[in-house]
N, C-alpha and C. Protein backbone atom coordinates (compact mmCIF):
# COMPACT_ATOMS: atom_id res chain seq x y z
N MET A 1 0.83 -1.20 0.00
CA MET A 1 0.00 0.00 0.00
C MET A 1 0.85 1.24 0.00
N ARG A 2 2.07 1.08 -0.31
CA ARG A 2 2.98 2.21 -0.35
C ARG A 2 2.66 3.14 -1.50
N GLY A 3 2.75 4.41 -1.26
CA GLY A 3 2.52 5.39 -2.32
C GLY A 3 1.07 5.75 -2.54
N ILE A 4 0.15 5.06 -1.89
CA ILE A 4 -1.26 5.36 -2.05
C ILE A 4 -1.67 6.34 -0.97
N LYS A 5 -2.23 7.44 -1.40
CA LYS A 5 -2.69 8.44 -0.45
C LYS A 5 -4.21 8.35 -0.33
N ILE A 6 -4.67 8.35 0.88
CA ILE A 6 -6.11 8.33 1.12
C ILE A 6 -6.51 9.72 1.58
N ARG A 7 -7.47 10.27 0.87
CA ARG A 7 -7.96 11.60 1.22
C ARG A 7 -9.42 11.51 1.60
N ALA A 8 -9.80 12.40 2.47
CA ALA A 8 -11.21 12.48 2.83
C ALA A 8 -12.00 12.99 1.63
N MET A 9 -13.25 12.56 1.54
CA MET A 9 -14.10 13.00 0.45
C MET A 9 -14.30 14.52 0.52
N SER A 10 -14.32 15.15 -0.60
CA SER A 10 -14.51 16.60 -0.62
C SER A 10 -15.93 16.97 -0.23
N ARG A 11 -16.13 18.22 0.15
CA ARG A 11 -17.47 18.69 0.47
C ARG A 11 -18.39 18.59 -0.74
N ARG A 12 -17.83 18.84 -1.91
CA ARG A 12 -18.63 18.76 -3.14
C ARG A 12 -19.17 17.34 -3.32
N ALA A 13 -18.31 16.34 -3.12
CA ALA A 13 -18.76 14.96 -3.25
C ALA A 13 -19.82 14.63 -2.21
N ASN A 14 -19.63 15.11 -0.99
CA ASN A 14 -20.62 14.88 0.07
C ASN A 14 -21.97 15.48 -0.31
N SER A 15 -21.97 16.68 -0.86
CA SER A 15 -23.23 17.33 -1.22
C SER A 15 -23.89 16.61 -2.39
N VAL A 16 -23.10 16.08 -3.31
CA VAL A 16 -23.68 15.33 -4.43
C VAL A 16 -24.33 14.05 -3.92
N ILE A 17 -23.65 13.34 -3.03
CA ILE A 17 -24.21 12.12 -2.45
C ILE A 17 -25.48 12.46 -1.66
N PHE A 18 -25.43 13.53 -0.89
CA PHE A 18 -26.59 13.97 -0.12
C PHE A 18 -27.75 14.26 -1.07
N GLY A 19 -27.46 14.93 -2.19
CA GLY A 19 -28.49 15.27 -3.17
C GLY A 19 -29.14 14.05 -3.79
N PHE A 20 -28.33 13.06 -4.15
CA PHE A 20 -28.89 11.83 -4.72
C PHE A 20 -29.74 11.10 -3.69
N ASP A 21 -29.30 11.08 -2.45
CA ASP A 21 -30.07 10.44 -1.39
C ASP A 21 -31.42 11.15 -1.20
N PHE A 22 -31.39 12.47 -1.20
CA PHE A 22 -32.62 13.25 -1.06
C PHE A 22 -33.57 12.94 -2.22
N GLN A 23 -33.03 12.89 -3.43
CA GLN A 23 -33.81 12.62 -4.63
C GLN A 23 -34.44 11.22 -4.56
N GLU A 24 -33.68 10.24 -4.14
CA GLU A 24 -34.20 8.88 -4.02
C GLU A 24 -35.31 8.80 -2.98
N ASN A 25 -35.14 9.49 -1.88
CA ASN A 25 -36.19 9.51 -0.85
C ASN A 25 -37.46 10.18 -1.35
N ALA A 26 -37.31 11.26 -2.10
CA ALA A 26 -38.48 11.93 -2.69
C ALA A 26 -39.18 10.98 -3.66
N ALA A 27 -38.40 10.23 -4.43
CA ALA A 27 -38.99 9.26 -5.37
C ALA A 27 -39.76 8.17 -4.63
N ILE A 28 -39.22 7.71 -3.53
CA ILE A 28 -39.91 6.68 -2.74
C ILE A 28 -41.24 7.20 -2.23
N VAL A 29 -41.26 8.43 -1.74
CA VAL A 29 -42.51 9.01 -1.25
C VAL A 29 -43.53 9.09 -2.38
N LEU A 30 -43.11 9.57 -3.54
CA LEU A 30 -44.03 9.66 -4.68
C LEU A 30 -44.52 8.28 -5.12
N MET A 31 -43.63 7.30 -5.09
CA MET A 31 -44.03 5.94 -5.47
C MET A 31 -45.09 5.40 -4.52
N VAL A 32 -44.88 5.58 -3.24
CA VAL A 32 -45.85 5.09 -2.25
C VAL A 32 -47.19 5.80 -2.42
N GLU A 33 -47.15 7.10 -2.62
CA GLU A 33 -48.39 7.87 -2.79
C GLU A 33 -49.17 7.48 -4.05
N ASN A 34 -48.47 7.00 -5.06
CA ASN A 34 -49.11 6.71 -6.35
C ASN A 34 -49.05 5.23 -6.71
N MET A 35 -48.83 4.38 -5.74
CA MET A 35 -48.63 2.96 -5.97
C MET A 35 -49.76 2.32 -6.77
N ALA A 36 -50.98 2.67 -6.48
CA ALA A 36 -52.13 2.03 -7.13
C ALA A 36 -52.19 2.33 -8.63
N GLU A 37 -51.64 3.47 -9.05
CA GLU A 37 -51.71 3.86 -10.45
C GLU A 37 -50.38 3.80 -11.18
N MET A 38 -49.30 3.56 -10.46
CA MET A 38 -47.97 3.64 -11.03
C MET A 38 -47.68 2.47 -11.97
N VAL A 39 -47.14 2.81 -13.13
CA VAL A 39 -46.69 1.81 -14.10
C VAL A 39 -45.16 1.70 -14.05
N SER A 40 -44.49 2.84 -13.97
CA SER A 40 -43.02 2.83 -13.92
C SER A 40 -42.51 4.08 -13.24
N VAL A 41 -41.26 4.01 -12.79
CA VAL A 41 -40.59 5.16 -12.20
C VAL A 41 -39.20 5.25 -12.82
N LYS A 42 -38.77 6.47 -13.05
CA LYS A 42 -37.44 6.71 -13.59
C LYS A 42 -36.81 7.84 -12.80
N ILE A 43 -35.60 7.60 -12.34
CA ILE A 43 -34.86 8.63 -11.62
C ILE A 43 -33.72 9.08 -12.51
N GLU A 44 -33.53 10.40 -12.60
CA GLU A 44 -32.50 10.99 -13.46
C GLU A 44 -32.76 10.73 -14.93
N GLY A 45 -34.01 10.92 -15.33
CA GLY A 45 -34.35 10.89 -16.75
C GLY A 45 -34.32 12.32 -17.26
N GLU A 46 -35.38 12.71 -17.96
CA GLU A 46 -35.50 14.11 -18.37
C GLU A 46 -35.61 15.00 -17.12
N GLU A 47 -36.29 14.48 -16.12
CA GLU A 47 -36.44 15.17 -14.84
C GLU A 47 -35.81 14.33 -13.74
N ASP A 48 -35.69 14.90 -12.55
CA ASP A 48 -35.12 14.14 -11.44
C ASP A 48 -35.93 12.87 -11.18
N ILE A 49 -37.26 13.01 -11.19
CA ILE A 49 -38.15 11.88 -10.94
C ILE A 49 -39.29 11.93 -11.95
N GLU A 50 -39.55 10.78 -12.58
CA GLU A 50 -40.66 10.67 -13.53
C GLU A 50 -41.45 9.42 -13.18
N ILE A 51 -42.73 9.59 -12.91
CA ILE A 51 -43.58 8.45 -12.60
C ILE A 51 -44.68 8.38 -13.66
N ARG A 52 -44.67 7.30 -14.42
CA ARG A 52 -45.70 7.10 -15.44
C ARG A 52 -46.87 6.37 -14.78
N LEU A 53 -48.08 6.85 -15.06
CA LEU A 53 -49.28 6.30 -14.46
C LEU A 53 -50.08 5.49 -15.48
N ASN A 54 -50.97 4.66 -14.99
CA ASN A 54 -51.70 3.76 -15.89
C ASN A 54 -52.68 4.46 -16.83
N ASP A 55 -52.98 5.72 -16.62
CA ASP A 55 -53.83 6.46 -17.55
C ASP A 55 -53.01 7.16 -18.64
N GLY A 56 -51.69 6.92 -18.66
CA GLY A 56 -50.82 7.51 -19.67
C GLY A 56 -50.23 8.85 -19.26
N SER A 57 -50.66 9.37 -18.12
CA SER A 57 -50.11 10.64 -17.66
C SER A 57 -48.84 10.39 -16.85
N THR A 58 -48.14 11.48 -16.56
CA THR A 58 -46.86 11.38 -15.87
C THR A 58 -46.80 12.41 -14.75
N ILE A 59 -46.19 12.02 -13.66
CA ILE A 59 -45.86 12.94 -12.58
C ILE A 59 -44.38 13.26 -12.75
N LEU A 60 -44.06 14.54 -12.87
CA LEU A 60 -42.67 14.98 -13.01
C LEU A 60 -42.28 15.74 -11.76
N ALA A 61 -41.10 15.43 -11.25
CA ALA A 61 -40.66 16.10 -10.03
C ALA A 61 -39.20 16.48 -10.12
N GLN A 62 -38.89 17.59 -9.51
CA GLN A 62 -37.52 18.03 -9.29
C GLN A 62 -37.30 17.96 -7.79
N ALA A 63 -36.16 17.42 -7.38
CA ALA A 63 -35.84 17.31 -5.96
C ALA A 63 -34.47 17.96 -5.73
N LYS A 64 -34.47 19.10 -5.07
CA LYS A 64 -33.23 19.84 -4.83
C LYS A 64 -33.00 19.99 -3.33
N SER A 65 -31.83 19.57 -2.91
CA SER A 65 -31.51 19.61 -1.49
C SER A 65 -30.39 20.59 -1.19
N VAL A 66 -30.33 20.95 0.07
CA VAL A 66 -29.26 21.80 0.59
C VAL A 66 -28.69 21.06 1.80
N VAL A 67 -27.38 20.84 1.82
CA VAL A 67 -26.78 20.09 2.92
C VAL A 67 -27.04 20.78 4.25
N LYS A 68 -26.84 22.08 4.32
CA LYS A 68 -27.09 22.84 5.55
C LYS A 68 -28.39 23.64 5.35
N ALA A 69 -29.48 22.91 5.28
CA ALA A 69 -30.77 23.50 4.89
C ALA A 69 -31.24 24.63 5.79
N SER A 70 -30.93 24.58 7.07
CA SER A 70 -31.45 25.60 7.98
C SER A 70 -30.62 26.87 8.00
N THR A 71 -29.44 26.84 7.36
CA THR A 71 -28.58 28.03 7.41
C THR A 71 -28.08 28.50 6.04
N ASP A 72 -28.07 27.64 5.05
CA ASP A 72 -27.49 28.00 3.75
C ASP A 72 -28.60 28.27 2.73
N PHE A 73 -28.83 29.54 2.45
CA PHE A 73 -29.84 29.93 1.48
C PHE A 73 -29.22 30.55 0.23
N SER A 74 -27.92 30.37 0.06
CA SER A 74 -27.17 31.07 -0.98
C SER A 74 -27.61 30.72 -2.40
N ASN A 75 -27.98 29.48 -2.66
CA ASN A 75 -28.32 29.08 -4.03
C ASN A 75 -29.76 28.60 -4.19
N VAL A 76 -30.58 28.80 -3.18
CA VAL A 76 -31.92 28.23 -3.24
C VAL A 76 -32.78 28.83 -4.35
N ARG A 77 -32.69 30.11 -4.57
CA ARG A 77 -33.47 30.73 -5.65
C ARG A 77 -33.03 30.23 -7.01
N THR A 78 -31.73 30.13 -7.20
CA THR A 78 -31.19 29.65 -8.47
C THR A 78 -31.66 28.23 -8.73
N LYS A 79 -31.59 27.38 -7.70
CA LYS A 79 -32.04 25.99 -7.84
C LYS A 79 -33.53 25.93 -8.14
N ALA A 80 -34.32 26.71 -7.43
CA ALA A 80 -35.77 26.71 -7.65
C ALA A 80 -36.11 27.17 -9.06
N LYS A 81 -35.47 28.23 -9.51
CA LYS A 81 -35.75 28.74 -10.86
C LYS A 81 -35.38 27.71 -11.92
N ALA A 82 -34.22 27.08 -11.79
CA ALA A 82 -33.80 26.07 -12.75
C ALA A 82 -34.76 24.89 -12.75
N ALA A 83 -35.20 24.48 -11.56
CA ALA A 83 -36.13 23.35 -11.46
C ALA A 83 -37.48 23.69 -12.10
N MET A 84 -37.98 24.89 -11.83
CA MET A 84 -39.27 25.29 -12.41
C MET A 84 -39.19 25.40 -13.93
N THR A 85 -38.09 25.91 -14.43
CA THR A 85 -37.89 26.00 -15.88
C THR A 85 -37.87 24.60 -16.49
N SER A 86 -37.13 23.71 -15.87
CA SER A 86 -37.04 22.34 -16.37
C SER A 86 -38.40 21.65 -16.37
N LEU A 87 -39.15 21.79 -15.28
CA LEU A 87 -40.48 21.19 -15.20
C LEU A 87 -41.42 21.77 -16.25
N SER A 88 -41.35 23.08 -16.43
CA SER A 88 -42.20 23.74 -17.41
C SER A 88 -41.91 23.24 -18.82
N GLU A 89 -40.64 23.12 -19.16
CA GLU A 89 -40.26 22.64 -20.49
C GLU A 89 -40.66 21.18 -20.67
N ALA A 90 -40.48 20.37 -19.66
CA ALA A 90 -40.84 18.95 -19.75
C ALA A 90 -42.34 18.76 -19.88
N ALA A 91 -43.11 19.64 -19.28
CA ALA A 91 -44.58 19.54 -19.32
C ALA A 91 -45.11 19.71 -20.74
N GLU A 92 -44.34 20.33 -21.60
CA GLU A 92 -44.76 20.51 -22.99
C GLU A 92 -44.55 19.25 -23.82
N LYS A 93 -43.80 18.28 -23.28
CA LYS A 93 -43.43 17.09 -24.04
C LYS A 93 -44.27 15.87 -23.71
N VAL A 94 -44.88 15.84 -22.53
CA VAL A 94 -45.64 14.67 -22.10
C VAL A 94 -46.96 15.10 -21.49
N LYS A 95 -47.88 14.14 -21.38
CA LYS A 95 -49.15 14.39 -20.69
C LYS A 95 -48.86 14.37 -19.19
N VAL A 96 -49.02 15.51 -18.55
CA VAL A 96 -48.62 15.66 -17.15
C VAL A 96 -49.84 15.68 -16.24
N ARG A 97 -49.76 14.91 -15.16
CA ARG A 97 -50.77 14.99 -14.11
C ARG A 97 -50.35 16.01 -13.07
N ASN A 98 -49.09 15.94 -12.63
CA ASN A 98 -48.59 16.85 -11.60
C ASN A 98 -47.15 17.23 -11.88
N LEU A 99 -46.84 18.47 -11.56
CA LEU A 99 -45.46 18.95 -11.53
C LEU A 99 -45.15 19.24 -10.07
N ILE A 100 -44.04 18.70 -9.57
CA ILE A 100 -43.75 18.81 -8.14
C ILE A 100 -42.31 19.28 -7.95
N TYR A 101 -42.13 20.18 -7.00
CA TYR A 101 -40.79 20.63 -6.62
C TYR A 101 -40.58 20.30 -5.15
N TYR A 102 -39.62 19.42 -4.88
CA TYR A 102 -39.26 19.06 -3.51
C TYR A 102 -37.99 19.80 -3.11
N THR A 103 -37.96 20.29 -1.90
CA THR A 103 -36.73 20.85 -1.34
C THR A 103 -36.75 20.64 0.17
N ASN A 104 -35.59 20.57 0.74
CA ASN A 104 -35.51 20.49 2.20
C ASN A 104 -35.24 21.86 2.81
N SER A 105 -35.15 22.87 1.98
CA SER A 105 -34.90 24.22 2.47
C SER A 105 -36.17 24.83 3.07
N PRO A 106 -36.11 25.35 4.28
CA PRO A 106 -37.27 26.01 4.85
C PRO A 106 -37.50 27.40 4.26
N ASN A 107 -36.60 27.82 3.40
CA ASN A 107 -36.68 29.16 2.82
C ASN A 107 -36.25 29.09 1.34
N PRO A 108 -37.03 28.39 0.50
CA PRO A 108 -36.59 28.13 -0.87
C PRO A 108 -36.50 29.35 -1.79
N PHE A 109 -37.05 30.48 -1.37
CA PHE A 109 -36.92 31.68 -2.18
C PHE A 109 -35.96 32.69 -1.56
N ASN A 110 -35.31 32.27 -0.46
CA ASN A 110 -34.41 33.15 0.27
C ASN A 110 -35.09 34.48 0.56
N ASP A 111 -36.31 34.37 1.08
CA ASP A 111 -37.15 35.54 1.32
C ASP A 111 -37.97 35.28 2.59
N GLU A 112 -37.66 36.01 3.63
CA GLU A 112 -38.33 35.80 4.92
C GLU A 112 -39.85 35.93 4.83
N ALA A 113 -40.33 36.84 3.99
CA ALA A 113 -41.78 37.08 3.91
C ALA A 113 -42.53 35.87 3.36
N SER A 114 -41.90 35.06 2.52
CA SER A 114 -42.60 33.93 1.92
C SER A 114 -42.54 32.66 2.76
N LYS A 115 -41.69 32.63 3.77
CA LYS A 115 -41.52 31.41 4.55
C LYS A 115 -42.81 30.85 5.15
N PRO A 116 -43.69 31.67 5.75
CA PRO A 116 -44.89 31.10 6.36
C PRO A 116 -45.83 30.44 5.35
N MET A 117 -45.75 30.80 4.08
CA MET A 117 -46.63 30.22 3.08
C MET A 117 -46.12 28.89 2.55
N LEU A 118 -44.89 28.54 2.85
CA LEU A 118 -44.26 27.39 2.24
C LEU A 118 -44.14 26.22 3.21
N TYR A 119 -45.26 25.69 3.60
CA TYR A 119 -45.23 24.54 4.50
C TYR A 119 -45.08 23.25 3.74
N GLY A 120 -45.37 23.26 2.46
CA GLY A 120 -45.07 22.13 1.64
C GLY A 120 -46.07 21.00 1.65
N LYS A 121 -47.24 21.21 1.15
CA LYS A 121 -48.02 20.06 0.74
C LYS A 121 -47.05 19.33 -0.15
N PRO A 122 -46.89 18.12 -0.22
CA PRO A 122 -47.86 17.12 0.10
C PRO A 122 -47.71 16.44 1.44
N HIS A 123 -46.77 16.80 2.28
CA HIS A 123 -46.50 15.94 3.41
C HIS A 123 -46.64 16.61 4.76
N ASP A 124 -47.26 17.74 4.82
CA ASP A 124 -47.43 18.41 6.10
C ASP A 124 -48.91 18.47 6.40
N ARG A 125 -49.39 17.61 7.27
CA ARG A 125 -50.81 17.55 7.59
C ARG A 125 -51.29 18.80 8.29
N VAL A 126 -50.40 19.54 8.96
CA VAL A 126 -50.79 20.81 9.57
C VAL A 126 -51.30 21.74 8.49
N ASN A 127 -50.65 21.76 7.36
CA ASN A 127 -51.06 22.61 6.26
C ASN A 127 -52.48 22.28 5.81
N ASP A 128 -52.84 20.99 5.80
CA ASP A 128 -54.18 20.60 5.43
C ASP A 128 -55.20 21.18 6.40
N ARG A 129 -54.85 21.23 7.68
CA ARG A 129 -55.76 21.78 8.68
C ARG A 129 -55.93 23.28 8.51
N VAL A 130 -54.83 23.98 8.29
CA VAL A 130 -54.90 25.43 8.06
C VAL A 130 -55.67 25.70 6.78
N ASN A 131 -55.50 24.84 5.80
CA ASN A 131 -56.19 25.02 4.53
C ASN A 131 -57.70 24.99 4.69
N SER A 132 -58.23 24.18 5.60
CA SER A 132 -59.68 24.14 5.79
C SER A 132 -60.19 25.50 6.29
N THR A 133 -59.43 26.15 7.13
CA THR A 133 -59.79 27.49 7.60
C THR A 133 -59.76 28.48 6.44
N TYR A 134 -58.69 28.41 5.64
CA TYR A 134 -58.55 29.31 4.49
C TYR A 134 -59.69 29.09 3.49
N GLN A 135 -60.02 27.83 3.23
CA GLN A 135 -61.11 27.52 2.29
C GLN A 135 -62.45 28.08 2.80
N ALA A 136 -62.69 27.98 4.10
CA ALA A 136 -63.94 28.52 4.67
C ALA A 136 -64.00 30.03 4.48
N ILE A 137 -62.88 30.71 4.66
CA ILE A 137 -62.84 32.17 4.49
C ILE A 137 -63.03 32.53 3.02
N MET A 138 -62.39 31.80 2.13
CA MET A 138 -62.53 32.09 0.70
C MET A 138 -63.97 31.88 0.22
N ALA A 139 -64.62 30.84 0.73
CA ALA A 139 -65.98 30.52 0.30
C ALA A 139 -67.05 31.41 0.95
N ASN A 140 -66.69 32.07 2.04
CA ASN A 140 -67.67 32.87 2.81
C ASN A 140 -67.08 34.22 3.17
N PRO A 141 -66.96 35.13 2.22
CA PRO A 141 -66.37 36.45 2.52
C PRO A 141 -67.10 37.13 3.69
N GLY A 142 -66.31 37.65 4.63
CA GLY A 142 -66.88 38.33 5.78
C GLY A 142 -67.21 37.38 6.93
N ILE A 143 -66.80 36.14 6.81
CA ILE A 143 -67.11 35.12 7.83
C ILE A 143 -66.44 35.46 9.17
N GLN A 144 -67.11 35.10 10.24
CA GLN A 144 -66.58 35.34 11.58
C GLN A 144 -66.01 34.04 12.16
N ARG A 145 -65.20 34.17 13.19
CA ARG A 145 -64.49 33.03 13.79
C ARG A 145 -65.44 31.90 14.20
N LYS A 146 -66.54 32.24 14.82
CA LYS A 146 -67.48 31.21 15.30
C LYS A 146 -67.99 30.37 14.15
N ARG A 147 -68.31 31.02 13.03
CA ARG A 147 -68.83 30.28 11.86
C ARG A 147 -67.73 29.43 11.23
N ILE A 148 -66.50 29.93 11.20
CA ILE A 148 -65.38 29.13 10.69
C ILE A 148 -65.23 27.87 11.54
N SER A 149 -65.34 28.04 12.84
CA SER A 149 -65.25 26.91 13.77
C SER A 149 -66.34 25.88 13.49
N GLU A 150 -67.56 26.35 13.26
CA GLU A 150 -68.68 25.45 12.97
C GLU A 150 -68.46 24.70 11.65
N LEU A 151 -67.99 25.40 10.64
CA LEU A 151 -67.79 24.78 9.32
C LEU A 151 -66.64 23.78 9.30
N THR A 152 -65.60 24.07 10.04
CA THR A 152 -64.40 23.22 10.00
C THR A 152 -64.36 22.18 11.11
N GLY A 153 -65.18 22.37 12.16
CA GLY A 153 -65.14 21.46 13.29
C GLY A 153 -63.94 21.68 14.20
N LYS A 154 -63.31 22.84 14.08
CA LYS A 154 -62.14 23.17 14.88
C LYS A 154 -62.53 24.14 15.99
N SER A 155 -61.79 24.10 17.09
CA SER A 155 -62.07 24.99 18.22
C SER A 155 -61.71 26.43 17.87
N ILE A 156 -62.27 27.36 18.60
CA ILE A 156 -61.97 28.79 18.39
C ILE A 156 -60.47 29.07 18.57
N PRO A 157 -59.80 28.54 19.63
CA PRO A 157 -58.35 28.79 19.74
C PRO A 157 -57.57 28.26 18.53
N THR A 158 -57.98 27.12 17.99
CA THR A 158 -57.31 26.59 16.79
C THR A 158 -57.54 27.52 15.61
N ILE A 159 -58.78 27.97 15.45
CA ILE A 159 -59.10 28.91 14.36
C ILE A 159 -58.28 30.19 14.53
N ASP A 160 -58.14 30.66 15.76
CA ASP A 160 -57.33 31.86 16.00
C ASP A 160 -55.88 31.66 15.55
N ARG A 161 -55.31 30.48 15.82
CA ARG A 161 -53.93 30.20 15.37
C ARG A 161 -53.86 30.16 13.85
N HIS A 162 -54.84 29.54 13.21
CA HIS A 162 -54.87 29.48 11.75
C HIS A 162 -54.99 30.88 11.15
N ILE A 163 -55.88 31.68 11.73
CA ILE A 163 -56.09 33.05 11.25
C ILE A 163 -54.80 33.86 11.38
N ALA A 164 -54.12 33.71 12.50
CA ALA A 164 -52.85 34.44 12.70
C ALA A 164 -51.84 34.05 11.64
N LEU A 165 -51.73 32.76 11.34
CA LEU A 165 -50.79 32.30 10.33
C LEU A 165 -51.18 32.80 8.93
N LEU A 166 -52.45 32.72 8.62
CA LEU A 166 -52.93 33.18 7.30
C LEU A 166 -52.76 34.69 7.14
N ALA A 167 -53.02 35.44 8.21
CA ALA A 167 -52.84 36.89 8.16
C ALA A 167 -51.36 37.25 8.02
N LYS A 168 -50.51 36.55 8.77
CA LYS A 168 -49.07 36.79 8.68
C LYS A 168 -48.55 36.47 7.28
N SER A 169 -49.16 35.49 6.62
CA SER A 169 -48.78 35.12 5.25
C SER A 169 -49.42 36.04 4.22
N ASN A 170 -50.18 37.02 4.69
CA ASN A 170 -50.82 38.01 3.82
C ASN A 170 -51.87 37.37 2.90
N LEU A 171 -52.53 36.33 3.38
CA LEU A 171 -53.54 35.64 2.58
C LEU A 171 -54.95 36.09 2.93
N ILE A 172 -55.13 36.60 4.15
CA ILE A 172 -56.46 37.05 4.58
C ILE A 172 -56.33 38.38 5.30
N GLU A 173 -57.49 39.02 5.47
CA GLU A 173 -57.54 40.26 6.25
C GLU A 173 -58.86 40.34 6.99
N HIS A 174 -58.88 41.10 8.08
CA HIS A 174 -60.10 41.34 8.83
C HIS A 174 -60.58 42.74 8.48
N ARG A 175 -61.86 42.84 8.20
CA ARG A 175 -62.44 44.15 7.87
C ARG A 175 -63.53 44.50 8.87
N ASP A 176 -63.69 45.78 9.07
CA ASP A 176 -64.71 46.34 9.96
C ASP A 176 -64.38 46.08 11.42
N SER A 177 -65.37 46.25 12.29
CA SER A 177 -65.11 46.18 13.73
C SER A 177 -64.91 44.73 14.19
N ASP A 178 -64.34 44.61 15.37
CA ASP A 178 -64.14 43.27 15.93
C ASP A 178 -65.47 42.54 16.14
N LYS A 179 -66.48 43.29 16.52
CA LYS A 179 -67.77 42.68 16.84
C LYS A 179 -68.58 42.31 15.60
N THR A 180 -68.61 43.18 14.60
CA THR A 180 -69.47 42.92 13.44
C THR A 180 -68.69 42.59 12.17
N GLY A 181 -67.38 42.74 12.20
CA GLY A 181 -66.58 42.48 11.00
C GLY A 181 -66.32 41.00 10.77
N GLY A 182 -65.54 40.74 9.72
CA GLY A 182 -65.24 39.35 9.40
C GLY A 182 -63.95 39.24 8.60
N TYR A 183 -63.66 38.03 8.19
CA TYR A 183 -62.41 37.73 7.48
C TYR A 183 -62.67 37.57 5.99
N TYR A 184 -61.71 38.07 5.22
CA TYR A 184 -61.77 38.04 3.76
C TYR A 184 -60.45 37.52 3.22
N ALA A 185 -60.54 36.74 2.18
CA ALA A 185 -59.32 36.31 1.47
C ALA A 185 -58.82 37.49 0.64
N LYS A 186 -57.51 37.69 0.65
CA LYS A 186 -56.94 38.75 -0.17
C LYS A 186 -56.80 38.23 -1.59
N LYS A 187 -56.97 39.11 -2.54
CA LYS A 187 -56.88 38.71 -3.95
C LYS A 187 -55.45 38.73 -4.40
């Protein structure tokens, strides 16, 4: 073994391996979610993940990871833009059911204001709960908290938390007085 030097793997190699692992995990999640309709899956085809379904349509996904997701936002916008462009171009070539962008970054646009809106369906059930509140407000302009609670089956304190999150995300607003006013979805 003389003359052979062993070097630690570079950070670049580590991030590439991390990225492939992230992509494979995203593919597994998509496969499980679409198992009943899935005909085939391809990783690293035209897109990061391609799932062909039995109706002839395809789910196309881009999966972009950041090794230090909670602190490194330096390239997230560039990655997101490239992924969206790729998905958009691929959608013109095949019959698409869904276009999906996966990331582990909590701030994929490197923009503090957009963070509360990016909880990431498909895998955050909290988002589904908040969505029921938002849907009630959208369907009933001027609705009050008590009526939202009745429609969604959620407690008033839960509705208050949802309203705070939706207002902070600039998705809804309260108009008129506290007693007679209500909530409206922003356009």
